[in-house]
Amino acid sequence: MQEIKFDPPRKIISAFKKSLYEIFADTKIILSSKLLKLFFYMNLIFRLIFHFFFHPNQPSSFAPDEGTYARLAEYVSRGKAVQDFPEYGPSLYNQSKSLISPSSFLIKLGNEPLDSVRIVSSLYGFLIPLCVLLCFVAVRKSKVNIDRLHQEFRSPLALFLLFFLFFIPSNFLWSTLGLRESASQFWILAQTYFLIKMYLNKKIDKLPFGLLALISSIFSFSSRPQTALLISIFIMILGILVAIRKKTLSFLLISIFSFIAGNSFASTPEVKSIEKWTIIEKSNESNFHNSENHEISFSVKSKLANSLCDFPLQVIELAGKEFQCNLIKEYRKPLLPPLNSLPTNVYVSTLEEKRNLNRLGASSALAPSLCSKSVNEFASIWCNMSEIPYRLSAFLLRPFPLIDQGSSFLFLAGMENVVWLILYLITLFKMAQVRRWSPLKEYVLSFAFFLILFSTAASLYEGNMGTAFRHRSTLIGHLVLLNLLVITYLDSKRNHSIAN
């Protein structure tokens, strides 16, 4: 009898090929819908129009921060050390790598810095609906055939949700400007998709999707660490529940590794600046700044330089030739990134300070926090909890139309909030119709818990309605996904009952 050999590398390669095929198959289902294809084309055309005709050649008044990201991307494209970046130092780069790194690459190709960050942000924004729909297809395609999926997109409520996802004005605007909102949304939704695929697959087929979820978590931390931290906590809780119910640790392990790797990637390493002497031949002094490798050719004389040089531009004589002393600066990074730090601004004791800081100079400032008067950490936690009703309602619903006035932005945001309110009411009404034994209960409860967790935590962070309104866009993907799943499930259940 021939012995059967176990070949792990071949099985792993086969699993990766299968995972890529599944991703391609899910994407093909989405793009085979004429309606969805039309929405994608319209979305792309509107983005091009905004980029070339509507946005000014300077940072927009809606998002002055894009000027800072553009300057940082240009700084990185020149190969300069981010530790010397005059605005915010290295922390801004480490917490926005997902936006800055591809933008710096576009700058190297000849694009303007502001255009580069806008292009990258808009590309992320264009892909966000695709991520949401991939999550939806991953859950639903095992329940219904492709034709039925396409029909589900055509119901009135589904059309409302899709239009909201593709064209809600505020989120569309943020994603065409050079901000990290769209990068954060994209990587969170990509991580959600890969975790769903991991949950649905078995044994070694989980590995590729687990690795992709890990990579997505890393990029999520490097786009907005505070949001990624909440996602990590949420996923670890789910991992514990999955471990108890399915007797498997893979989901929990991936969530833990994702947290460690993502937090490490977005942490600012302690970079040490060291000054050292180098010498160049005086006859080549004029070429010193034009030759990147000239200093290296004299590195063998570093010991002599350190012992003979006393001040910059000093002339010394070696082997009958004159040399000039120059002081250079080197940066030394640790071999391993830090693992013992959390993203900034996540501690309860600093939330009230951040809220009050965000109020400064804001025309749409929320009421000041009184929790800074708390005498200890427990009192601070209790005080922050007592402010949740006011701050959560402000985060989800303000500015109120016709009430919060003072600028055209508040007026337009108030009008859009009417649509948000309708969506909230639809969500509550539809979720109340889902029974405990529904096959979608795991997904519905998970997404609902995440939305509650994120909204509550984010509301304690905000100090003015402008930034709160912008940060609320993170909810869009999971909110639409939750509603699409519930609505299509209830419709299919109703149609099944009629058929019987």
Protein backbone atom coordinates (compact mmCIF):
# COMPACT_ATOMS: atom_id res chain seq x y z
CA MET A 1 0.00 0.00 0.00
CA GLN A 2 1.46 3.38 -1.04
CA GLU A 3 2.18 5.75 1.82
CA ILE A 4 0.30 9.05 1.72
CA LYS A 5 2.62 11.99 2.32
CA PHE A 6 1.51 15.13 4.06
CA ASP A 7 2.80 18.19 2.17
CA PRO A 8 2.10 21.37 4.22
CA PRO A 9 3.68 23.87 1.76
CA ARG A 10 1.57 22.56 -1.11
CA LYS A 11 -1.58 22.71 1.02
CA ILE A 12 -0.80 26.28 2.07
CA ILE A 13 -0.17 27.37 -1.53
CA SER A 14 -3.40 25.69 -2.57
CA ALA A 15 -5.27 27.50 0.23
CA PHE A 16 -3.92 30.87 -0.93
CA LYS A 17 -4.92 30.17 -4.52
CA LYS A 18 -8.39 29.19 -3.37
CA SER A 19 -8.73 32.36 -1.28
CA LEU A 20 -7.75 34.57 -4.22
CA TYR A 21 -10.28 32.77 -6.39
CA GLU A 22 -13.00 33.36 -3.76
CA ILE A 23 -12.20 37.08 -3.59
CA PHE A 24 -12.28 37.29 -7.39
CA ALA A 25 -15.58 35.34 -7.51
CA ASP A 26 -17.21 37.65 -4.95
CA THR A 27 -16.04 40.72 -6.89
CA LYS A 28 -17.34 39.24 -10.13
CA ILE A 29 -20.80 38.76 -8.57
CA ILE A 30 -20.90 42.44 -7.64
CA LEU A 31 -19.71 43.75 -10.99
CA SER A 32 -22.07 41.46 -12.89
CA SER A 33 -24.95 43.57 -11.58
CA LYS A 34 -25.77 46.32 -14.10
CA LEU A 35 -27.18 48.50 -11.32
CA LEU A 36 -24.07 48.28 -9.17
CA LYS A 37 -21.83 48.77 -12.17
CA LEU A 38 -23.78 51.96 -12.99
CA PHE A 39 -23.30 53.22 -9.41
CA PHE A 40 -19.55 52.58 -9.62
CA TYR A 41 -19.29 54.43 -12.96
CA MET A 42 -21.26 57.39 -11.59
CA ASN A 43 -19.13 57.45 -8.45
CA LEU A 44 -15.94 57.50 -10.52
CA ILE A 45 -17.18 60.27 -12.82
CA PHE A 46 -18.25 62.47 -9.91
CA ARG A 47 -14.84 61.99 -8.26
CA LEU A 48 -13.03 63.06 -11.42
CA ILE A 49 -15.27 66.11 -11.74
CA PHE A 50 -14.62 67.12 -8.13
CA HIS A 51 -10.88 66.58 -8.48
CA PHE A 52 -10.40 68.61 -11.64
CA PHE A 53 -13.12 71.28 -11.44
CA PHE A 54 -14.39 71.84 -7.90
CA HIS A 55 -11.47 71.54 -5.48
CA PRO A 56 -9.19 74.59 -5.21
CA ASN A 57 -5.43 74.45 -5.74
CA GLN A 58 -4.96 75.03 -2.03
CA PRO A 59 -6.19 73.24 1.09
CA SER A 60 -9.97 73.28 1.17
CA SER A 61 -11.78 75.32 3.81
CA PHE A 62 -13.76 72.14 4.55
CA ALA A 63 -10.57 70.29 5.46
CA PRO A 64 -7.54 72.52 6.11
CA ASP A 65 -5.74 69.47 7.54
CA GLU A 66 -5.17 68.17 4.02
CA GLY A 67 -2.48 70.82 3.65
CA THR A 68 -0.55 69.26 6.55
CA TYR A 69 -0.84 65.77 5.05
CA ALA A 70 0.33 67.11 1.68
CA ARG A 71 3.39 68.74 3.25
CA LEU A 72 4.16 65.55 5.16
CA ALA A 73 3.85 63.42 2.01
CA GLU A 74 6.22 65.78 0.18
CA TYR A 75 8.63 65.64 3.14
CA VAL A 76 8.63 61.83 3.03
CA SER A 77 9.02 61.76 -0.76
CA ARG A 78 12.30 63.65 -0.40
CA GLY A 79 13.66 60.95 1.88
CA LYS A 80 13.86 63.20 4.92
CA ALA A 81 13.61 61.76 8.43
CA VAL A 82 10.07 62.16 9.76
CA GLN A 83 11.58 62.82 13.20
CA ASP A 84 12.51 66.28 11.89
CA PHE A 85 9.10 67.06 10.38
CA PRO A 86 8.32 70.50 11.84
CA GLU A 87 4.59 69.80 12.28
CA TYR A 88 3.76 67.14 14.89
CA GLY A 89 7.05 65.26 14.45
CA PRO A 90 6.98 61.53 13.62
CA SER A 91 3.67 60.71 15.33
CA LEU A 92 1.54 62.12 12.51
CA TYR A 93 3.38 60.00 9.94
CA ASN A 94 3.09 56.81 11.98
CA GLN A 95 -0.64 57.38 12.41
CA SER A 96 -1.30 58.16 8.74
CA LYS A 97 1.10 55.89 6.82
CA SER A 98 -1.77 54.36 4.86
CA LEU A 99 -2.39 57.77 3.30
CA ILE A 100 1.10 59.28 3.31
CA SER A 101 3.17 56.39 1.89
CA PRO A 102 1.23 55.95 -1.39
CA SER A 103 0.91 59.74 -1.68
CA SER A 104 4.68 60.18 -1.40
CA PHE A 105 5.09 57.62 -4.18
CA LEU A 106 2.78 59.66 -6.45
CA ILE A 107 4.81 62.77 -5.64
CA LYS A 108 7.98 60.97 -6.75
CA LEU A 109 6.22 60.26 -10.05
CA GLY A 110 5.76 64.00 -10.58
CA ASN A 111 2.35 64.78 -9.06
CA GLU A 112 1.72 67.80 -6.85
CA PRO A 113 1.62 67.01 -3.10
CA LEU A 114 -1.97 68.21 -2.60
CA ASP A 115 -3.17 66.33 -5.69
CA SER A 116 -1.39 63.19 -4.50
CA VAL A 117 -3.09 62.98 -1.09
CA ARG A 118 -6.43 63.74 -2.74
CA ILE A 119 -5.96 61.00 -5.35
CA VAL A 120 -5.07 58.38 -2.73
CA SER A 121 -7.94 59.41 -0.47
CA SER A 122 -10.39 59.34 -3.39
CA LEU A 123 -9.19 55.90 -4.47
CA TYR A 124 -9.84 54.58 -0.97
CA GLY A 125 -13.28 56.22 -1.06
CA PHE A 126 -14.07 54.63 -4.41
CA LEU A 127 -13.25 51.17 -3.02
CA ILE A 128 -15.28 51.53 0.21
CA PRO A 129 -18.64 50.51 -1.39
CA LEU A 130 -16.89 47.52 -2.96
CA CYS A 131 -15.72 46.36 0.49
CA VAL A 132 -19.24 46.70 1.91
CA LEU A 133 -20.73 44.73 -0.96
CA LEU A 134 -18.02 42.06 -0.68
CA CYS A 135 -19.01 41.56 2.96
CA PHE A 136 -22.65 41.31 1.95
CA VAL A 137 -21.98 38.80 -0.84
CA ALA A 138 -19.73 36.71 1.42
CA VAL A 139 -22.60 36.25 3.88
CA ARG A 140 -25.51 35.94 1.45
CA LYS A 141 -24.17 33.92 -1.48
CA SER A 142 -24.34 30.68 0.51
CA LYS A 143 -28.06 31.31 1.07
CA VAL A 144 -29.28 32.43 -2.37
CA ASN A 145 -28.12 32.19 -5.99
CA ILE A 146 -26.56 35.04 -7.97
CA ASP A 147 -29.76 36.01 -9.78
CA ARG A 148 -31.55 36.31 -6.48
CA LEU A 149 -28.72 38.47 -5.10
CA HIS A 150 -29.08 40.87 -8.02
CA GLN A 151 -32.83 41.10 -7.40
CA GLU A 152 -32.23 41.91 -3.74
CA PHE A 153 -30.31 45.04 -4.76
CA ARG A 154 -33.38 46.37 -6.59
CA SER A 155 -35.82 46.63 -3.67
CA PRO A 156 -36.70 50.24 -2.70
CA LEU A 157 -34.97 50.07 0.67
CA ALA A 158 -31.88 48.44 -0.82
CA LEU A 159 -31.69 51.19 -3.44
CA PHE A 160 -31.94 53.82 -0.71
CA LEU A 161 -29.10 52.14 1.22
CA LEU A 162 -26.90 51.80 -1.86
CA PHE A 163 -27.45 55.43 -2.85
CA PHE A 164 -26.62 56.44 0.72
CA LEU A 165 -23.42 54.35 0.58
CA PHE A 166 -22.22 55.67 -2.78
CA PHE A 167 -23.34 59.30 -2.74
CA ILE A 168 -24.05 60.60 0.78
CA PRO A 169 -22.70 64.17 0.34
CA SER A 170 -20.49 64.56 3.41
CA ASN A 171 -18.72 61.22 3.17
CA PHE A 172 -18.25 61.68 -0.57
CA LEU A 173 -16.69 65.09 0.05
CA TRP A 174 -14.32 63.88 2.79
CA SER A 175 -13.14 61.04 0.57
CA THR A 176 -12.23 63.38 -2.30
CA LEU A 177 -10.09 65.56 -0.03
CA GLY A 178 -6.65 64.67 1.30
CA LEU A 179 -7.82 63.27 4.62
CA ARG A 180 -7.38 59.87 6.26
CA GLU A 181 -11.11 59.23 6.82
CA SER A 182 -11.49 57.12 3.69
CA ALA A 183 -8.27 55.17 4.38
CA SER A 184 -9.50 54.29 7.86
CA GLN A 185 -12.93 53.23 6.56
CA PHE A 186 -11.45 51.12 3.78
CA TRP A 187 -9.06 49.10 5.94
CA ILE A 188 -11.67 48.51 8.65
CA LEU A 189 -14.12 47.19 6.07
CA ALA A 190 -11.41 45.13 4.35
CA GLN A 191 -10.58 43.58 7.71
CA THR A 192 -14.28 42.85 8.26
CA TYR A 193 -14.51 41.07 4.90
CA PHE A 194 -11.46 38.89 5.52
CA LEU A 195 -12.67 38.00 9.01
CA ILE A 196 -16.06 36.95 7.60
CA LYS A 197 -14.31 34.74 5.03
CA MET A 198 -12.11 33.33 7.76
CA TYR A 199 -15.15 32.57 9.89
CA LEU A 200 -16.91 30.81 7.01
CA ASN A 201 -13.93 28.68 5.93
CA LYS A 202 -12.53 25.63 7.67
CA LYS A 203 -9.10 24.41 8.78
CA ILE A 204 -6.16 25.48 6.61
CA ASP A 205 -8.39 27.60 4.33
CA LYS A 206 -8.64 30.06 7.23
CA LEU A 207 -4.93 30.87 7.03
CA PRO A 208 -4.89 33.15 3.94
CA PHE A 209 -7.88 35.18 5.10
CA GLY A 210 -6.44 35.39 8.62
CA LEU A 211 -3.20 36.76 7.19
CA LEU A 212 -5.09 39.28 5.04
CA ALA A 213 -7.10 40.34 8.11
CA LEU A 214 -3.81 40.82 9.97
CA ILE A 215 -2.42 43.01 7.17
CA SER A 216 -5.66 45.03 7.05
CA SER A 217 -5.43 45.60 10.80
CA ILE A 218 -1.87 46.90 10.44
CA PHE A 219 -2.93 49.42 7.79
CA SER A 220 -6.00 50.32 9.84
CA PHE A 221 -3.79 51.23 12.81
CA SER A 222 -1.65 53.34 10.49
CA SER A 223 -4.64 55.35 9.29
CA ARG A 224 -6.47 56.09 12.56
CA PRO A 225 -5.11 54.18 15.60
CA GLN A 226 -7.93 55.09 17.98
CA THR A 227 -10.58 53.60 15.69
CA ALA A 228 -8.42 50.54 14.99
CA LEU A 229 -8.01 49.98 18.73
CA LEU A 230 -11.78 49.83 19.18
CA ILE A 231 -12.01 47.38 16.28
CA SER A 232 -9.32 45.22 17.88
CA ILE A 233 -11.11 45.14 21.23
CA PHE A 234 -14.36 44.27 19.48
CA ILE A 235 -12.73 41.48 17.44
CA MET A 236 -11.01 40.01 20.49
CA ILE A 237 -14.37 39.81 22.25
CA LEU A 238 -15.79 38.04 19.20
CA GLY A 239 -12.73 35.77 19.17
CA ILE A 240 -13.46 34.66 22.73
CA LEU A 241 -17.10 33.92 21.85
CA VAL A 242 -16.08 31.98 18.72
CA ALA A 243 -13.52 30.00 20.76
CA ILE A 244 -16.20 29.02 23.28
CA ARG A 245 -18.85 28.17 20.71
CA LYS A 246 -16.82 26.53 17.93
CA LYS A 247 -13.93 25.20 20.03
CA THR A 248 -11.37 26.90 17.81
CA LEU A 249 -8.73 29.48 18.72
CA SER A 250 -7.84 30.67 15.23
CA PHE A 251 -10.19 33.67 15.28
CA LEU A 252 -8.97 34.77 18.73
CA LEU A 253 -5.30 34.32 17.83
CA ILE A 254 -5.62 36.39 14.67
CA SER A 255 -7.36 39.15 16.63
CA ILE A 256 -4.56 39.20 19.22
CA PHE A 257 -1.80 39.18 16.61
CA SER A 258 -3.62 41.90 14.67
CA PHE A 259 -3.72 44.11 17.75
CA ILE A 260 -0.03 43.61 18.56
CA ALA A 261 1.22 44.04 14.99
CA GLY A 262 -1.07 46.96 14.18
CA ASN A 263 -0.31 48.87 17.36
CA SER A 264 3.40 48.22 16.90
CA PHE A 265 3.34 49.43 13.30
CA ALA A 266 1.60 52.69 14.25
CA SER A 267 3.74 53.38 17.32
CA THR A 268 6.47 55.97 17.20
CA PRO A 269 9.88 54.38 17.76
CA GLU A 270 12.44 56.14 19.90
CA VAL A 271 14.89 57.35 17.27
CA LYS A 272 18.28 58.43 18.56
CA SER A 273 20.15 61.22 16.81
CA ILE A 274 23.94 60.78 16.83
CA GLU A 275 26.45 63.34 15.62
CA LYS A 276 29.73 62.10 14.18
CA TRP A 277 32.70 63.55 12.38
CA THR A 278 33.62 62.81 8.81
CA ILE A 279 36.42 64.19 6.64
CA ILE A 280 36.59 65.00 2.95
CA GLU A 281 39.49 66.03 0.80
CA LYS A 282 39.55 69.81 0.62
CA SER A 283 39.88 69.80 -3.15
CA ASN A 284 36.50 67.99 -3.36
CA GLU A 285 34.73 70.37 -0.98
CA SER A 286 32.54 71.83 -3.72
CA ASN A 287 31.22 68.36 -4.57
CA PHE A 288 30.45 67.42 -0.99
CA HIS A 289 26.74 68.15 -1.14
CA ASN A 290 26.32 66.68 -4.62
CA SER A 291 27.72 63.24 -3.85
CA GLU A 292 25.66 61.03 -1.60
CA ASN A 293 28.35 58.34 -1.54
CA HIS A 294 31.34 60.65 -0.92
CA GLU A 295 30.98 60.50 2.85
CA ILE A 296 30.80 56.75 2.75
CA SER A 297 34.12 56.51 0.88
CA PHE A 298 35.79 58.19 3.84
CA SER A 299 33.99 56.20 6.55
CA VAL A 300 37.14 54.13 7.06
CA LYS A 301 38.81 57.26 8.41
CA SER A 302 36.06 57.88 10.97
CA LYS A 303 38.32 57.00 13.88
CA LEU A 304 40.92 59.48 12.68
CA ALA A 305 38.22 62.12 12.21
CA ASN A 306 36.86 61.65 15.73
CA SER A 307 40.33 61.97 17.22
CA LEU A 308 41.58 64.91 15.09
CA CYS A 309 38.49 67.08 14.45
CA ASP A 310 37.53 69.71 17.03
CA PHE A 311 35.17 72.04 15.15
CA PRO A 312 33.32 72.16 11.77
CA LEU A 313 35.32 73.26 8.69
CA GLN A 314 38.57 72.58 10.52
CA VAL A 315 41.38 71.73 8.09
CA ILE A 316 43.67 68.84 8.96
CA GLU A 317 46.52 67.24 7.06
CA LEU A 318 46.77 63.50 6.41
CA ALA A 319 49.30 61.77 4.17
CA GLY A 320 50.34 65.10 2.66
CA LYS A 321 46.77 66.10 1.73
CA GLU A 322 44.42 68.62 3.30
CA PHE A 323 41.05 67.42 4.60
CA GLN A 324 38.09 69.32 5.98
CA CYS A 325 36.11 68.26 9.04
CA ASN A 326 32.34 68.07 8.73
CA LEU A 327 29.81 67.17 11.41
CA ILE A 328 26.98 64.92 10.20
CA LYS A 329 23.87 63.59 11.93
CA GLU A 330 22.77 59.96 11.85
CA TYR A 331 19.48 58.46 13.00
CA ARG A 332 19.40 55.07 14.66
CA LYS A 333 16.12 53.20 15.04
CA PRO A 334 15.56 50.20 17.32
CA LEU A 335 15.59 46.80 15.63
CA LEU A 336 12.14 45.99 17.04
CA PRO A 337 9.20 48.45 17.14
CA PRO A 338 7.71 49.30 20.54
CA LEU A 339 5.07 46.89 21.79
CA ASN A 340 4.20 48.43 25.13
CA SER A 341 2.32 51.57 24.10
CA LEU A 342 -1.28 52.27 23.21
CA PRO A 343 -2.46 54.81 20.65
CA THR A 344 -2.65 58.30 22.06
CA ASN A 345 -5.89 59.89 23.31
CA VAL A 346 -7.55 56.64 24.38
CA TYR A 347 -7.19 56.88 28.14
CA VAL A 348 -10.31 57.81 30.10
CA SER A 349 -8.45 60.41 32.16
CA THR A 350 -7.52 62.37 29.01
CA LEU A 351 -10.87 62.24 27.20
CA GLU A 352 -12.22 65.40 28.83
CA GLU A 353 -8.97 67.21 28.07
CA LYS A 354 -9.21 66.20 24.41
CA ARG A 355 -12.87 67.22 24.21
CA ASN A 356 -12.15 70.66 25.65
CA LEU A 357 -9.12 71.04 23.39
CA ASN A 358 -11.27 70.26 20.32
CA ARG A 359 -13.65 73.03 21.36
CA LEU A 360 -11.00 75.75 21.07
CA GLY A 361 -11.62 78.05 18.10
CA ALA A 362 -14.55 75.94 16.84
CA SER A 363 -17.72 77.81 15.87
CA SER A 364 -19.70 74.58 16.40
CA ALA A 365 -18.26 73.74 19.83
CA LEU A 366 -20.22 71.39 22.06
CA ALA A 367 -20.79 72.08 25.75
CA PRO A 368 -17.55 71.92 27.79
CA SER A 369 -16.79 68.81 29.78
CA LEU A 370 -16.84 69.07 33.57
CA CYS A 371 -15.06 65.79 34.18
CA SER A 372 -11.66 67.43 34.62
CA LYS A 373 -12.75 68.26 38.17
CA SER A 374 -12.95 64.54 39.02
CA VAL A 375 -10.66 63.64 41.91
CA ASN A 376 -9.59 60.16 40.72
CA GLU A 377 -9.79 57.75 37.78
CA PHE A 378 -12.96 56.03 39.04
CA ALA A 379 -14.72 59.39 39.44
CA SER A 380 -13.53 60.35 35.95
CA ILE A 381 -14.99 57.16 34.46
CA TRP A 382 -18.31 57.73 36.22
CA CYS A 383 -18.41 61.37 35.09
CA ASN A 384 -17.70 60.40 31.47
CA MET A 385 -20.43 57.75 31.62
CA SER A 386 -22.93 60.35 32.85
CA GLU A 387 -22.18 62.55 29.83
CA ILE A 388 -22.80 59.76 27.30
CA PRO A 389 -26.53 60.52 26.62
CA TYR A 390 -25.80 64.14 25.67
CA ARG A 391 -22.60 63.43 23.72
CA LEU A 392 -23.94 60.34 21.95
CA SER A 393 -27.01 62.18 20.71
CA ALA A 394 -24.76 65.04 19.56
CA PHE A 395 -22.46 62.61 17.72
CA LEU A 396 -25.28 60.76 15.97
CA LEU A 397 -27.76 63.56 15.22
CA ARG A 398 -26.23 67.02 15.39
CA PRO A 399 -26.24 69.54 13.89
CA PHE A 400 -30.02 69.68 14.06
CA PRO A 401 -31.71 71.18 10.99
CA LEU A 402 -32.99 74.75 11.49
CA ILE A 403 -31.76 74.72 15.13
CA ASP A 404 -27.96 74.53 14.93
CA GLN A 405 -27.26 77.53 12.71
CA GLY A 406 -24.39 79.89 12.18
CA SER A 407 -22.78 78.76 8.92
CA SER A 408 -23.66 77.21 5.58
CA PHE A 409 -21.84 74.04 6.68
CA LEU A 410 -24.14 73.60 9.69
CA PHE A 411 -27.20 74.18 7.53
CA LEU A 412 -26.17 71.59 4.91
CA ALA A 413 -25.09 69.11 7.57
CA GLY A 414 -28.43 69.56 9.32
CA MET A 415 -30.26 68.75 6.10
CA GLU A 416 -28.18 65.63 5.62
CA ASN A 417 -28.87 64.57 9.19
CA VAL A 418 -32.52 64.11 8.24
CA VAL A 419 -31.36 61.25 6.01
CA TRP A 420 -29.21 59.88 8.84
CA LEU A 421 -32.22 59.96 11.17
CA ILE A 422 -34.32 58.04 8.62
CA LEU A 423 -31.58 55.43 8.39
CA TYR A 424 -31.38 55.08 12.18
CA LEU A 425 -35.15 54.56 12.37
CA ILE A 426 -35.06 51.96 9.57
CA THR A 427 -32.26 50.13 11.39
CA LEU A 428 -34.16 49.96 14.67
CA PHE A 429 -37.41 48.94 12.98
CA LYS A 430 -35.85 46.18 10.88
CA MET A 431 -33.71 44.79 13.68
CA ALA A 432 -36.80 44.47 15.86
CA GLN A 433 -38.18 42.09 13.21
CA VAL A 434 -35.20 39.73 13.36
CA ARG A 435 -35.89 36.75 15.61
CA ARG A 436 -33.34 35.15 17.89
CA TRP A 437 -33.17 32.01 15.78
CA SER A 438 -32.39 33.88 12.58
CA PRO A 439 -29.36 32.46 10.70
CA LEU A 440 -28.05 36.02 10.47
CA LYS A 441 -28.15 36.68 14.19
CA GLU A 442 -24.36 36.30 14.59
CA TYR A 443 -23.67 38.95 11.97
CA VAL A 444 -26.50 41.26 12.99
CA LEU A 445 -25.54 41.25 16.67
CA SER A 446 -21.84 41.64 15.87
CA PHE A 447 -22.29 44.64 13.60
CA ALA A 448 -24.85 46.21 15.95
CA PHE A 449 -22.47 45.81 18.90
CA PHE A 450 -19.62 47.39 16.94
CA LEU A 451 -21.78 50.37 15.93
CA ILE A 452 -22.81 50.93 19.55
CA LEU A 453 -19.24 50.53 20.84
CA PHE A 454 -17.75 52.89 18.26
CA SER A 455 -20.48 55.54 18.59
CA THR A 456 -20.21 55.58 22.38
CA ALA A 457 -16.42 55.78 22.43
CA ALA A 458 -16.25 58.37 19.62
CA SER A 459 -18.87 60.57 21.27
CA LEU A 460 -16.66 60.87 24.37
CA TYR A 461 -13.80 62.09 22.18
CA GLU A 462 -15.53 64.83 20.20
CA GLY A 463 -15.51 68.48 21.19
CA ASN A 464 -17.27 70.15 18.26
CA MET A 465 -19.95 69.23 15.76
CA GLY A 466 -17.70 69.64 12.72
CA THR A 467 -15.19 66.92 13.57
CA ALA A 468 -17.93 64.74 15.09
CA PHE A 469 -19.88 64.94 11.85
CA ARG A 470 -16.78 63.95 9.88
CA HIS A 471 -15.77 61.07 12.18
CA ARG A 472 -19.32 59.72 12.05
CA SER A 473 -18.64 58.66 8.46
CA THR A 474 -16.85 55.60 9.89
CA LEU A 475 -20.30 54.20 10.73
CA ILE A 476 -21.56 54.26 7.14
CA GLY A 477 -20.08 50.99 5.88
CA HIS A 478 -21.18 48.76 8.76
CA LEU A 479 -24.51 50.55 9.13
CA VAL A 480 -25.40 49.97 5.48
CA LEU A 481 -24.10 46.40 5.63
CA LEU A 482 -26.21 45.62 8.69
CA ASN A 483 -29.34 46.99 7.02
CA LEU A 484 -28.71 45.23 3.71
CA LEU A 485 -28.37 41.88 5.47
CA VAL A 486 -31.50 42.34 7.59
CA ILE A 487 -33.67 43.73 4.77
CA THR A 488 -32.71 41.06 2.23
CA TYR A 489 -33.17 38.30 4.80
CA LEU A 490 -36.63 39.53 5.78
CA ASP A 491 -37.63 39.94 2.12
CA SER A 492 -36.49 36.43 1.21
CA LYS A 493 -38.28 35.02 4.25
CA ARG A 494 -41.46 36.86 3.29
CA ASN A 495 -41.27 35.63 -0.31
CA HIS A 496 -40.70 32.09 0.88
CA SER A 497 -43.79 32.26 3.09
CA ILE A 498 -45.89 33.57 0.18
CA ALA A 499 -44.63 30.80 -2.09
CA ASN A 500 -45.65 28.17 0.42
